[in-house]
Amino acid sequence: MCKRVPKSWDRQRRTPSGMAFYGFPHYKYMKLGVAFIRGIGMYGSKNYTQQQILQCLQNIQSDDMAIIGMDGADNVIFETKGHYATVGRRIEQHLEHCFGVPFSVTTRSMETVRRIVKAYG
């Protein structure tokens, strides 16, 4: 499901907590999704901060995809015109390039996450 993005979102937005969203472009129709980065900070490995991951992922934004925020250090909120799995693969490749270790990323549409929470949450 696509959503219409208001024109007021052309510039950098802020969350209620005050954290800035990164590089939100002014597309009219985008699909909201979430990328779950597996293994961040588990058992003392891959201890990367949210800021380190956001700095790494700033460079993968393009005309068809934008990182708009994070929840914790392992959940990336994004918008895309393309397929969610493509975004996940791009995030995996870029994190591996930045940090030099393999990453595994699973992506879901925000609509899927809402449906799961509604049914089981």
PDB file of N, CA and C in Angstrom:
ATOM      1  N   MET A   1       0.836  -1.171   0.000  1.00  0.00           N
ATOM      2  CA  MET A   1       0.000   0.000   0.000  1.00  0.00           C
ATOM      3  C   MET A   1       0.886   1.243   0.000  1.00  0.00           C
ATOM      4  N   CYS A   2       0.638   2.162  -0.905  1.00  0.00           N
ATOM      5  CA  CYS A   2       1.394   3.402  -0.989  1.00  0.00           C
ATOM      6  C   CYS A   2       0.711   4.472  -0.161  1.00  0.00           C
ATOM      7  N   LYS A   3       1.493   5.407   0.316  1.00  0.00           N
ATOM      8  CA  LYS A   3       0.904   6.522   1.038  1.00  0.00           C
ATOM      9  C   LYS A   3       1.368   7.826   0.421  1.00  0.00           C
ATOM     10  N   ARG A   4       0.573   8.823   0.531  1.00  0.00           N
ATOM     11  CA  ARG A   4       0.910  10.140   0.011  1.00  0.00           C
ATOM     12  C   ARG A   4       1.695  10.898   1.071  1.00  0.00           C
ATOM     13  N   VAL A   5       2.819  11.444   0.680  1.00  0.00           N
ATOM     14  CA  VAL A   5       3.682  12.179   1.588  1.00  0.00           C
ATOM     15  C   VAL A   5       3.374  13.663   1.455  1.00  0.00           C
ATOM     16  N   PRO A   6       3.041  14.342   2.557  1.00  0.00           N
ATOM     17  CA  PRO A   6       2.743  15.775   2.478  1.00  0.00           C
ATOM     18  C   PRO A   6       3.936  16.581   2.004  1.00  0.00           C
ATOM     19  N   LYS A   7       3.677  17.682   1.317  1.00  0.00           N
ATOM     20  CA  LYS A   7       4.752  18.549   0.833  1.00  0.00           C
ATOM     21  C   LYS A   7       5.584  19.110   1.975  1.00  0.00           C
ATOM     22  N   SER A   8       4.999  19.229   3.160  1.00  0.00           N
ATOM     23  CA  SER A   8       5.738  19.772   4.305  1.00  0.00           C
ATOM     24  C   SER A   8       6.884  18.865   4.728  1.00  0.00           C
ATOM     25  N   TRP A   9       6.958  17.643   4.197  1.00  0.00           N
ATOM     26  CA  TRP A   9       8.017  16.714   4.548  1.00  0.00           C
ATOM     27  C   TRP A   9       9.226  16.843   3.634  1.00  0.00           C
ATOM     28  N   ASP A  10       9.309  17.901   2.850  1.00  0.00           N
ATOM     29  CA  ASP A  10      10.420  18.091   1.928  1.00  0.00           C
ATOM     30  C   ASP A  10      11.753  18.231   2.659  1.00  0.00           C
ATOM     31  N   ARG A  11      11.728  18.759   3.822  1.00  0.00           N
ATOM     32  CA  ARG A  11      12.959  18.983   4.581  1.00  0.00           C
ATOM     33  C   ARG A  11      13.075  17.948   5.705  1.00  0.00           C
ATOM     34  N   GLN A  12      14.183  18.021   6.394  1.00  0.00           N
ATOM     35  CA  GLN A  12      14.436  17.090   7.493  1.00  0.00           C
ATOM     36  C   GLN A  12      13.347  17.230   8.555  1.00  0.00           C
ATOM     37  N   ARG A  13      12.781  16.092   9.000  1.00  0.00           N
ATOM     38  CA  ARG A  13      11.742  16.090  10.024  1.00  0.00           C
ATOM     39  C   ARG A  13      12.347  15.679  11.359  1.00  0.00           C
ATOM     40  N   ARG A  14      11.556  15.830  12.404  1.00  0.00           N
ATOM     41  CA  ARG A  14      12.007  15.419  13.734  1.00  0.00           C
ATOM     42  C   ARG A  14      10.950  14.547  14.389  1.00  0.00           C
ATOM     43  N   THR A  15      11.416  13.554  15.113  1.00  0.00           N
ATOM     44  CA  THR A  15      10.504  12.683  15.850  1.00  0.00           C
ATOM     45  C   THR A  15      10.140  13.374  17.152  1.00  0.00           C
ATOM     46  N   PRO A  16       9.150  12.846  17.889  1.00  0.00           N
ATOM     47  CA  PRO A  16       8.824  13.428  19.193  1.00  0.00           C
ATOM     48  C   PRO A  16      10.007  13.443  20.149  1.00  0.00           C
ATOM     49  N   SER A  17      10.926  12.478  20.002  1.00  0.00           N
ATOM     50  CA  SER A  17      12.083  12.455  20.889  1.00  0.00           C
ATOM     51  C   SER A  17      13.151  13.464  20.471  1.00  0.00           C
ATOM     52  N   GLY A  18      12.981  14.082  19.312  1.00  0.00           N
ATOM     53  CA  GLY A  18      13.935  15.081  18.851  1.00  0.00           C
ATOM     54  C   GLY A  18      14.990  14.557  17.913  1.00  0.00           C
ATOM     55  N   MET A  19      15.012  13.217  17.657  1.00  0.00           N
ATOM     56  CA  MET A  19      16.013  12.667  16.748  1.00  0.00           C
ATOM     57  C   MET A  19      15.662  13.016  15.307  1.00  0.00           C
ATOM     58  N   ALA A  20      16.612  13.510  14.565  1.00  0.00           N
ATOM     59  CA  ALA A  20      16.354  13.909  13.180  1.00  0.00           C
ATOM     60  C   ALA A  20      16.262  12.681  12.288  1.00  0.00           C
ATOM     61  N   PHE A  21      15.320  12.704  11.357  1.00  0.00           N
ATOM     62  CA  PHE A  21      15.288  11.694  10.311  1.00  0.00           C
ATOM     63  C   PHE A  21      16.353  12.055   9.295  1.00  0.00           C
ATOM     64  N   TYR A  22      16.936  11.078   8.666  1.00  0.00           N
ATOM     65  CA  TYR A  22      18.023  11.328   7.730  1.00  0.00           C
ATOM     66  C   TYR A  22      17.526  11.376   6.299  1.00  0.00           C
ATOM     67  N   GLY A  23      17.830  12.457   5.610  1.00  0.00           N
ATOM     68  CA  GLY A  23      17.686  12.562   4.172  1.00  0.00           C
ATOM     69  C   GLY A  23      16.343  12.189   3.595  1.00  0.00           C
ATOM     70  N   PHE A  24      15.256  12.606   4.198  1.00  0.00           N
ATOM     71  CA  PHE A  24      13.944  12.236   3.686  1.00  0.00           C
ATOM     72  C   PHE A  24      13.653  12.983   2.401  1.00  0.00           C
ATOM     73  N   PRO A  25      13.593  12.286   1.275  1.00  0.00           N
ATOM     74  CA  PRO A  25      13.337  12.969   0.009  1.00  0.00           C
ATOM     75  C   PRO A  25      11.858  13.304  -0.150  1.00  0.00           C
ATOM     76  N   HIS A  26      11.530  14.078  -1.125  1.00  0.00           N
ATOM     77  CA  HIS A  26      10.161  14.548  -1.295  1.00  0.00           C
ATOM     78  C   HIS A  26       9.440  13.796  -2.406  1.00  0.00           C
ATOM     79  N   TYR A  27       9.323  12.486  -2.250  1.00  0.00           N
ATOM     80  CA  TYR A  27       8.576  11.683  -3.204  1.00  0.00           C
ATOM     81  C   TYR A  27       7.099  11.752  -2.879  1.00  0.00           C
ATOM     82  N   LYS A  28       6.267  11.582  -3.887  1.00  0.00           N
ATOM     83  CA  LYS A  28       4.840  11.628  -3.646  1.00  0.00           C
ATOM     84  C   LYS A  28       4.305  10.299  -3.153  1.00  0.00           C
ATOM     85  N   TYR A  29       4.809   9.184  -3.678  1.00  0.00           N
ATOM     86  CA  TYR A  29       4.285   7.879  -3.287  1.00  0.00           C
ATOM     87  C   TYR A  29       5.431   6.937  -2.924  1.00  0.00           C
ATOM     88  N   MET A  30       5.420   6.515  -1.686  1.00  0.00           N
ATOM     89  CA  MET A  30       6.448   5.615  -1.197  1.00  0.00           C
ATOM     90  C   MET A  30       5.784   4.564  -0.318  1.00  0.00           C
ATOM     91  N   LYS A  31       6.417   3.396  -0.217  1.00  0.00           N
ATOM     92  CA  LYS A  31       5.936   2.328   0.655  1.00  0.00           C
ATOM     93  C   LYS A  31       6.823   2.312   1.896  1.00  0.00           C
ATOM     94  N   LEU A  32       6.209   2.305   3.059  1.00  0.00           N
ATOM     95  CA  LEU A  32       6.927   2.301   4.320  1.00  0.00           C
ATOM     96  C   LEU A  32       7.265   0.872   4.709  1.00  0.00           C
ATOM     97  N   GLY A  33       8.505   0.655   5.146  1.00  0.00           N
ATOM     98  CA  GLY A  33       8.937  -0.680   5.540  1.00  0.00           C
ATOM     99  C   GLY A  33       9.911  -0.631   6.703  1.00  0.00           C
ATOM    100  N   VAL A  34      10.231  -1.804   7.209  1.00  0.00           N
ATOM    101  CA  VAL A  34      11.205  -1.916   8.292  1.00  0.00           C
ATOM    102  C   VAL A  34      12.193  -3.025   7.943  1.00  0.00           C
ATOM    103  N   ALA A  35      13.463  -2.755   8.220  1.00  0.00           N
ATOM    104  CA  ALA A  35      14.524  -3.735   8.027  1.00  0.00           C
ATOM    105  C   ALA A  35      15.032  -4.148   9.400  1.00  0.00           C
ATOM    106  N   PHE A  36      14.971  -5.439   9.674  1.00  0.00           N
ATOM    107  CA  PHE A  36      15.445  -5.979  10.941  1.00  0.00           C
ATOM    108  C   PHE A  36      16.864  -6.499  10.727  1.00  0.00           C
ATOM    109  N   ILE A  37      17.848  -5.846  11.370  1.00  0.00           N
ATOM    110  CA  ILE A  37      19.249  -6.268  11.261  1.00  0.00           C
ATOM    111  C   ILE A  37      19.484  -7.305  12.356  1.00  0.00           C
ATOM    112  N   ARG A  38      19.834  -8.501  11.957  1.00  0.00           N
ATOM    113  CA  ARG A  38      19.986  -9.580  12.929  1.00  0.00           C
ATOM    114  C   ARG A  38      21.381  -9.589  13.547  1.00  0.00           C
ATOM    115  N   GLY A  39      21.437  -9.870  14.853  1.00  0.00           N
ATOM    116  CA  GLY A  39      22.700 -10.099  15.529  1.00  0.00           C
ATOM    117  C   GLY A  39      23.428  -8.875  16.044  1.00  0.00           C
ATOM    118  N   ILE A  40      22.835  -7.699  16.003  1.00  0.00           N
ATOM    119  CA  ILE A  40      23.509  -6.500  16.519  1.00  0.00           C
ATOM    120  C   ILE A  40      23.547  -6.581  18.045  1.00  0.00           C
ATOM    121  N   GLY A  41      24.745  -6.507  18.622  1.00  0.00           N
ATOM    122  CA  GLY A  41      24.921  -6.489  20.070  1.00  0.00           C
ATOM    123  C   GLY A  41      24.608  -7.789  20.787  1.00  0.00           C
ATOM    124  N   MET A  42      24.443  -8.873  20.059  1.00  0.00           N
ATOM    125  CA  MET A  42      24.143 -10.146  20.720  1.00  0.00           C
ATOM    126  C   MET A  42      25.430 -10.866  21.112  1.00  0.00           C
ATOM    127  N   TYR A  43      25.460 -11.332  22.337  1.00  0.00           N
ATOM    128  CA  TYR A  43      26.593 -12.100  22.855  1.00  0.00           C
ATOM    129  C   TYR A  43      27.921 -11.364  22.707  1.00  0.00           C
ATOM    130  N   GLY A  44      27.873 -10.054  22.810  1.00  0.00           N
ATOM    131  CA  GLY A  44      29.095  -9.249  22.775  1.00  0.00           C
ATOM    132  C   GLY A  44      29.680  -9.040  21.399  1.00  0.00           C
ATOM    133  N   SER A  45      28.958  -9.420  20.342  1.00  0.00           N
ATOM    134  CA  SER A  45      29.486  -9.210  18.993  1.00  0.00           C
ATOM    135  C   SER A  45      28.663  -8.155  18.265  1.00  0.00           C
ATOM    136  N   LYS A  46      29.263  -7.562  17.269  1.00  0.00           N
ATOM    137  CA  LYS A  46      28.620  -6.530  16.454  1.00  0.00           C
ATOM    138  C   LYS A  46      27.994  -5.442  17.330  1.00  0.00           C
ATOM    139  N   ASN A  47      28.785  -4.900  18.238  1.00  0.00           N
ATOM    140  CA  ASN A  47      28.317  -3.843  19.125  1.00  0.00           C
ATOM    141  C   ASN A  47      28.455  -2.490  18.447  1.00  0.00           C
ATOM    142  N   TYR A  48      27.497  -2.176  17.587  1.00  0.00           N
ATOM    143  CA  TYR A  48      27.498  -0.909  16.868  1.00  0.00           C
ATOM    144  C   TYR A  48      26.360  -0.049  17.390  1.00  0.00           C
ATOM    145  N   THR A  49      26.608   1.255  17.471  1.00  0.00           N
ATOM    146  CA  THR A  49      25.581   2.162  17.962  1.00  0.00           C
ATOM    147  C   THR A  49      24.638   2.552  16.828  1.00  0.00           C
ATOM    148  N   GLN A  50      23.505   3.076  17.216  1.00  0.00           N
ATOM    149  CA  GLN A  50      22.535   3.568  16.246  1.00  0.00           C
ATOM    150  C   GLN A  50      23.169   4.632  15.352  1.00  0.00           C
ATOM    151  N   GLN A  51      23.946   5.517  15.944  1.00  0.00           N
ATOM    152  CA  GLN A  51      24.601   6.582  15.179  1.00  0.00           C
ATOM    153  C   GLN A  51      25.585   6.018  14.157  1.00  0.00           C
ATOM    154  N   GLN A  52      26.356   5.002  14.529  1.00  0.00           N
ATOM    155  CA  GLN A  52      27.296   4.385  13.592  1.00  0.00           C
ATOM    156  C   GLN A  52      26.560   3.764  12.406  1.00  0.00           C
ATOM    157  N   ILE A  53      25.460   3.089  12.683  1.00  0.00           N
ATOM    158  CA  ILE A  53      24.701   2.452  11.612  1.00  0.00           C
ATOM    159  C   ILE A  53      24.057   3.493  10.709  1.00  0.00           C
ATOM    160  N   LEU A  54      23.477   4.546  11.295  1.00  0.00           N
ATOM    161  CA  LEU A  54      22.868   5.601  10.478  1.00  0.00           C
ATOM    162  C   LEU A  54      23.900   6.295   9.596  1.00  0.00           C
ATOM    163  N   GLN A  55      25.083   6.554  10.132  1.00  0.00           N
ATOM    164  CA  GLN A  55      26.133   7.180   9.326  1.00  0.00           C
ATOM    165  C   GLN A  55      26.518   6.277   8.162  1.00  0.00           C
ATOM    166  N   CYS A  56      26.593   4.991   8.406  1.00  0.00           N
ATOM    167  CA  CYS A  56      26.930   4.040   7.347  1.00  0.00           C
ATOM    168  C   CYS A  56      25.842   4.013   6.272  1.00  0.00           C
ATOM    169  N   LEU A  57      24.585   4.023   6.688  1.00  0.00           N
ATOM    170  CA  LEU A  57      23.476   3.873   5.755  1.00  0.00           C
ATOM    171  C   LEU A  57      23.080   5.162   5.039  1.00  0.00           C
ATOM    172  N   GLN A  58      23.601   6.292   5.457  1.00  0.00           N
ATOM    173  CA  GLN A  58      23.282   7.555   4.781  1.00  0.00           C
ATOM    174  C   GLN A  58      23.613   7.495   3.294  1.00  0.00           C
ATOM    175  N   ASN A  59      24.670   6.793   2.941  1.00  0.00           N
ATOM    176  CA  ASN A  59      25.155   6.784   1.560  1.00  0.00           C
ATOM    177  C   ASN A  59      24.366   5.883   0.614  1.00  0.00           C
ATOM    178  N   ILE A  60      23.446   5.049   1.123  1.00  0.00           N
ATOM    179  CA  ILE A  60      22.720   4.160   0.215  1.00  0.00           C
ATOM    180  C   ILE A  60      21.412   4.749  -0.276  1.00  0.00           C
ATOM    181  N   GLN A  61      21.057   5.918   0.217  1.00  0.00           N
ATOM    182  CA  GLN A  61      19.803   6.529  -0.200  1.00  0.00           C
ATOM    183  C   GLN A  61      19.874   6.936  -1.666  1.00  0.00           C
ATOM    184  N   SER A  62      18.724   6.793  -2.340  1.00  0.00           N
ATOM    185  CA  SER A  62      18.675   7.088  -3.764  1.00  0.00           C
ATOM    186  C   SER A  62      17.295   7.611  -4.120  1.00  0.00           C
ATOM    187  N   ASP A  63      17.042   7.723  -5.415  1.00  0.00           N
ATOM    188  CA  ASP A  63      15.739   8.213  -5.870  1.00  0.00           C
ATOM    189  C   ASP A  63      14.593   7.288  -5.505  1.00  0.00           C
ATOM    190  N   ASP A  64      14.890   5.999  -5.304  1.00  0.00           N
ATOM    191  CA  ASP A  64      13.810   5.060  -5.025  1.00  0.00           C
ATOM    192  C   ASP A  64      13.792   4.537  -3.596  1.00  0.00           C
ATOM    193  N   MET A  65      14.659   5.070  -2.713  1.00  0.00           N
ATOM    194  CA  MET A  65      14.736   4.568  -1.349  1.00  0.00           C
ATOM    195  C   MET A  65      15.319   5.603  -0.409  1.00  0.00           C
ATOM    196  N   ALA A  66      14.752   5.704   0.801  1.00  0.00           N
ATOM    197  CA  ALA A  66      15.262   6.644   1.804  1.00  0.00           C
ATOM    198  C   ALA A  66      15.165   6.024   3.193  1.00  0.00           C
ATOM    199  N   ILE A  67      16.216   6.187   3.990  1.00  0.00           N
ATOM    200  CA  ILE A  67      16.197   5.801   5.398  1.00  0.00           C
ATOM    201  C   ILE A  67      15.556   6.972   6.132  1.00  0.00           C
ATOM    202  N   ILE A  68      14.503   6.695   6.915  1.00  0.00           N
ATOM    203  CA  ILE A  68      13.841   7.802   7.602  1.00  0.00           C
ATOM    204  C   ILE A  68      13.997   7.745   9.110  1.00  0.00           C
ATOM    205  N   GLY A  69      14.543   6.671   9.656  1.00  0.00           N
ATOM    206  CA  GLY A  69      14.765   6.606  11.092  1.00  0.00           C
ATOM    207  C   GLY A  69      15.150   5.207  11.539  1.00  0.00           C
ATOM    208  N   MET A  70      15.364   5.094  12.843  1.00  0.00           N
ATOM    209  CA  MET A  70      15.709   3.799  13.434  1.00  0.00           C
ATOM    210  C   MET A  70      15.011   3.646  14.771  1.00  0.00           C
ATOM    211  N   ASP A  71      14.769   2.403  15.148  1.00  0.00           N
ATOM    212  CA  ASP A  71      14.294   2.059  16.475  1.00  0.00           C
ATOM    213  C   ASP A  71      15.359   1.159  17.073  1.00  0.00           C
ATOM    214  N   GLY A  72      16.026   1.638  18.090  1.00  0.00           N
ATOM    215  CA  GLY A  72      17.152   0.893  18.640  1.00  0.00           C
ATOM    216  C   GLY A  72      18.308   0.921  17.650  1.00  0.00           C
ATOM    217  N   ALA A  73      19.192  -0.055  17.771  1.00  0.00           N
ATOM    218  CA  ALA A  73      20.340  -0.118  16.865  1.00  0.00           C
ATOM    219  C   ALA A  73      20.160  -1.167  15.783  1.00  0.00           C
ATOM    220  N   ASP A  74      18.976  -1.820  15.748  1.00  0.00           N
ATOM    221  CA  ASP A  74      18.838  -2.926  14.806  1.00  0.00           C
ATOM    222  C   ASP A  74      17.555  -2.923  13.978  1.00  0.00           C
ATOM    223  N   ASN A  75      16.754  -1.869  14.037  1.00  0.00           N
ATOM    224  CA  ASN A  75      15.533  -1.780  13.245  1.00  0.00           C
ATOM    225  C   ASN A  75      15.562  -0.479  12.444  1.00  0.00           C
ATOM    226  N   VAL A  76      15.651  -0.591  11.140  1.00  0.00           N
ATOM    227  CA  VAL A  76      15.767   0.558  10.250  1.00  0.00           C
ATOM    228  C   VAL A  76      14.418   0.793   9.571  1.00  0.00           C
ATOM    229  N   ILE A  77      13.889   1.994   9.718  1.00  0.00           N
ATOM    230  CA  ILE A  77      12.635   2.358   9.074  1.00  0.00           C
ATOM    231  C   ILE A  77      12.991   3.057   7.761  1.00  0.00           C
ATOM    232  N   PHE A  78      12.363   2.617   6.674  1.00  0.00           N
ATOM    233  CA  PHE A  78      12.693   3.164   5.363  1.00  0.00           C
ATOM    234  C   PHE A  78      11.432   3.339   4.530  1.00  0.00           C
ATOM    235  N   GLU A  79      11.556   4.089   3.454  1.00  0.00           N
ATOM    236  CA  GLU A  79      10.518   4.197   2.447  1.00  0.00           C
ATOM    237  C   GLU A  79      11.134   3.875   1.098  1.00  0.00           C
ATOM    238  N   THR A  80      10.363   3.198   0.256  1.00  0.00           N
ATOM    239  CA  THR A  80      10.887   2.769  -1.032  1.00  0.00           C
ATOM    240  C   THR A  80       9.797   2.795  -2.093  1.00  0.00           C
ATOM    241  N   LYS A  81      10.229   2.940  -3.312  1.00  0.00           N
ATOM    242  CA  LYS A  81       9.337   2.767  -4.451  1.00  0.00           C
ATOM    243  C   LYS A  81       9.426   1.337  -4.964  1.00  0.00           C
ATOM    244  N   GLY A  82      10.503   0.657  -4.610  1.00  0.00           N
ATOM    245  CA  GLY A  82      10.756  -0.687  -5.115  1.00  0.00           C
ATOM    246  C   GLY A  82      10.323  -1.776  -4.156  1.00  0.00           C
ATOM    247  N   HIS A  83      10.971  -2.932  -4.285  1.00  0.00           N
ATOM    248  CA  HIS A  83      10.648  -4.105  -3.472  1.00  0.00           C
ATOM    249  C   HIS A  83      11.410  -4.056  -2.154  1.00  0.00           C
ATOM    250  N   TYR A  84      10.770  -4.517  -1.097  1.00  0.00           N
ATOM    251  CA  TYR A  84      11.382  -4.493   0.235  1.00  0.00           C
ATOM    252  C   TYR A  84      12.646  -5.346   0.302  1.00  0.00           C
ATOM    253  N   ALA A  85      12.659  -6.488  -0.348  1.00  0.00           N
ATOM    254  CA  ALA A  85      13.831  -7.373  -0.311  1.00  0.00           C
ATOM    255  C   ALA A  85      15.048  -6.712  -0.945  1.00  0.00           C
ATOM    256  N   THR A  86      14.833  -5.896  -1.962  1.00  0.00           N
ATOM    257  CA  THR A  86      15.940  -5.171  -2.593  1.00  0.00           C
ATOM    258  C   THR A  86      16.584  -4.214  -1.607  1.00  0.00           C
ATOM    259  N   VAL A  87      15.760  -3.543  -0.816  1.00  0.00           N
ATOM    260  CA  VAL A  87      16.283  -2.631   0.207  1.00  0.00           C
ATOM    261  C   VAL A  87      17.087  -3.409   1.236  1.00  0.00           C
ATOM    262  N   GLY A  88      16.578  -4.560   1.658  1.00  0.00           N
ATOM    263  CA  GLY A  88      17.291  -5.386   2.633  1.00  0.00           C
ATOM    264  C   GLY A  88      18.656  -5.813   2.135  1.00  0.00           C
ATOM    265  N   ARG A  89      18.721  -6.210   0.875  1.00  0.00           N
ATOM    266  CA  ARG A  89      20.013  -6.623   0.304  1.00  0.00           C
ATOM    267  C   ARG A  89      20.978  -5.454   0.223  1.00  0.00           C
ATOM    268  N   ARG A  90      20.477  -4.272  -0.137  1.00  0.00           N
ATOM    269  CA  ARG A  90      21.341  -3.084  -0.186  1.00  0.00           C
ATOM    270  C   ARG A  90      21.874  -2.731   1.198  1.00  0.00           C
ATOM    271  N   ILE A  91      21.028  -2.854   2.217  1.00  0.00           N
ATOM    272  CA  ILE A  91      21.467  -2.583   3.590  1.00  0.00           C
ATOM    273  C   ILE A  91      22.525  -3.594   4.012  1.00  0.00           C
ATOM    274  N   GLU A  92      22.297  -4.881   3.738  1.00  0.00           N
ATOM    275  CA  GLU A  92      23.295  -5.917   4.063  1.00  0.00           C
ATOM    276  C   GLU A  92      24.640  -5.604   3.434  1.00  0.00           C
ATOM    277  N   GLN A  93      24.637  -5.332   2.138  1.00  0.00           N
ATOM    278  CA  GLN A  93      25.890  -5.073   1.422  1.00  0.00           C
ATOM    279  C   GLN A  93      26.602  -3.845   1.965  1.00  0.00           C
ATOM    280  N   HIS A  94      25.856  -2.805   2.261  1.00  0.00           N
ATOM    281  CA  HIS A  94      26.503  -1.583   2.725  1.00  0.00           C
ATOM    282  C   HIS A  94      27.054  -1.744   4.147  1.00  0.00           C
ATOM    283  N   LEU A  95      26.326  -2.421   5.019  1.00  0.00           N
ATOM    284  CA  LEU A  95      26.841  -2.669   6.373  1.00  0.00           C
ATOM    285  C   LEU A  95      28.094  -3.527   6.327  1.00  0.00           C
ATOM    286  N   GLU A  96      28.110  -4.547   5.478  1.00  0.00           N
ATOM    287  CA  GLU A  96      29.304  -5.379   5.332  1.00  0.00           C
ATOM    288  C   GLU A  96      30.485  -4.555   4.831  1.00  0.00           C
ATOM    289  N   HIS A  97      30.230  -3.648   3.902  1.00  0.00           N
ATOM    290  CA  HIS A  97      31.280  -2.778   3.383  1.00  0.00           C
ATOM    291  C   HIS A  97      31.811  -1.848   4.477  1.00  0.00           C
ATOM    292  N   CYS A  98      30.911  -1.255   5.273  1.00  0.00           N
ATOM    293  CA  CYS A  98      31.314  -0.300   6.311  1.00  0.00           C
ATOM    294  C   CYS A  98      32.048  -0.957   7.478  1.00  0.00           C
ATOM    295  N   PHE A  99      31.562  -2.107   7.940  1.00  0.00           N
ATOM    296  CA  PHE A  99      32.084  -2.705   9.165  1.00  0.00           C
ATOM    297  C   PHE A  99      32.957  -3.936   8.941  1.00  0.00           C
ATOM    298  N   GLY A 100      32.989  -4.463   7.730  1.00  0.00           N
ATOM    299  CA  GLY A 100      33.876  -5.572   7.410  1.00  0.00           C
ATOM    300  C   GLY A 100      33.449  -6.935   7.924  1.00  0.00           C
ATOM    301  N   VAL A 101      32.209  -7.075   8.353  1.00  0.00           N
ATOM    302  CA  VAL A 101      31.684  -8.372   8.800  1.00  0.00           C
ATOM    303  C   VAL A 101      30.339  -8.606   8.117  1.00  0.00           C
ATOM    304  N   PRO A 102      29.952  -9.881   7.919  1.00  0.00           N
ATOM    305  CA  PRO A 102      28.666 -10.145   7.268  1.00  0.00           C
ATOM    306  C   PRO A 102      27.478  -9.801   8.163  1.00  0.00           C
ATOM    307  N   PHE A 103      26.406  -9.341   7.550  1.00  0.00           N
ATOM    308  CA  PHE A 103      25.157  -9.014   8.235  1.00  0.00           C
ATOM    309  C   PHE A 103      24.011  -9.751   7.560  1.00  0.00           C
ATOM    310  N   SER A 104      22.976 -10.008   8.325  1.00  0.00           N
ATOM    311  CA  SER A 104      21.750 -10.597   7.788  1.00  0.00           C
ATOM    312  C   SER A 104      20.596  -9.646   8.092  1.00  0.00           C
ATOM    313  N   VAL A 105      19.839  -9.292   7.058  1.00  0.00           N
ATOM    314  CA  VAL A 105      18.749  -8.330   7.190  1.00  0.00           C
ATOM    315  C   VAL A 105      17.466  -8.945   6.644  1.00  0.00           C
ATOM    316  N   THR A 106      16.397  -8.825   7.403  1.00  0.00           N
ATOM    317  CA  THR A 106      15.067  -9.242   6.969  1.00  0.00           C
ATOM    318  C   THR A 106      14.204  -7.999   6.866  1.00  0.00           C
ATOM    319  N   THR A 107      13.443  -7.864   5.783  1.00  0.00           N
ATOM    320  CA  THR A 107      12.587  -6.692   5.611  1.00  0.00           C
ATOM    321  C   THR A 107      11.120  -7.109   5.590  1.00  0.00           C
ATOM    322  N   ARG A 108      10.285  -6.200   6.066  1.00  0.00           N
ATOM    323  CA  ARG A 108       8.840  -6.381   6.036  1.00  0.00           C
ATOM    324  C   ARG A 108       8.189  -5.025   5.758  1.00  0.00           C
ATOM    325  N   SER A 109       7.022  -5.076   5.130  1.00  0.00           N
ATOM    326  CA  SER A 109       6.261  -3.843   4.956  1.00  0.00           C
ATOM    327  C   SER A 109       5.703  -3.434   6.315  1.00  0.00           C
ATOM    328  N   MET A 110       5.514  -2.143   6.509  1.00  0.00           N
ATOM    329  CA  MET A 110       4.951  -1.675   7.770  1.00  0.00           C
ATOM    330  C   MET A 110       3.516  -2.180   7.919  1.00  0.00           C
ATOM    331  N   GLU A 111       2.835  -2.359   6.810  1.00  0.00           N
ATOM    332  CA  GLU A 111       1.475  -2.907   6.847  1.00  0.00           C
ATOM    333  C   GLU A 111       1.479  -4.338   7.402  1.00  0.00           C
ATOM    334  N   THR A 112       2.467  -5.138   7.029  1.00  0.00           N
ATOM    335  CA  THR A 112       2.589  -6.497   7.567  1.00  0.00           C
ATOM    336  C   THR A 112       2.841  -6.463   9.065  1.00  0.00           C
ATOM    337  N   VAL A 113       3.719  -5.586   9.503  1.00  0.00           N
ATOM    338  CA  VAL A 113       4.016  -5.461  10.940  1.00  0.00           C
ATOM    339  C   VAL A 113       2.760  -5.048  11.697  1.00  0.00           C
ATOM    340  N   ARG A 114       2.023  -4.081  11.161  1.00  0.00           N
ATOM    341  CA  ARG A 114       0.771  -3.654  11.820  1.00  0.00           C
ATOM    342  C   ARG A 114      -0.231  -4.801  11.920  1.00  0.00           C
ATOM    343  N   ARG A 115      -0.357  -5.576  10.845  1.00  0.00           N
ATOM    344  CA  ARG A 115      -1.292  -6.693  10.826  1.00  0.00           C
ATOM    345  C   ARG A 115      -0.916  -7.745  11.873  1.00  0.00           C
ATOM    346  N   ILE A 116       0.370  -8.037  12.019  1.00  0.00           N
ATOM    347  CA  ILE A 116       0.837  -9.007  13.014  1.00  0.00           C
ATOM    348  C   ILE A 116       0.556  -8.503  14.421  1.00  0.00           C
ATOM    349  N   VAL A 117       0.867  -7.240  14.672  1.00  0.00           N
ATOM    350  CA  VAL A 117       0.629  -6.662  16.010  1.00  0.00           C
ATOM    351  C   VAL A 117      -0.850  -6.661  16.323  1.00  0.00           C
ATOM    352  N   LYS A 118      -1.681  -6.319  15.360  1.00  0.00           N
ATOM    353  CA  LYS A 118      -3.130  -6.292  15.578  1.00  0.00           C
ATOM    354  C   LYS A 118      -3.661  -7.689  15.904  1.00  0.00           C
ATOM    355  N   ALA A 119      -3.163  -8.698  15.222  1.00  0.00           N
ATOM    356  CA  ALA A 119      -3.646 -10.056  15.418  1.00  0.00           C
ATOM    357  C   ALA A 119      -3.108 -10.717  16.689  1.00  0.00           C
ATOM    358  N   TYR A 120      -1.853 -10.426  17.037  1.00  0.00           N
ATOM    359  CA  TYR A 120      -1.208 -11.153  18.130  1.00  0.00           C
ATOM    360  C   TYR A 120      -0.702 -10.276  19.264  1.00  0.00           C
ATOM    361  N   GLY A 121      -0.712  -8.976  19.079  1.00  0.00           N
ATOM    362  CA  GLY A 121      -0.131  -8.083  20.082  1.00  0.00           C
ATOM    363  C   GLY A 121      -1.103  -7.651  21.069  1.00  0.00           C
TER     364      GLY A 121
END
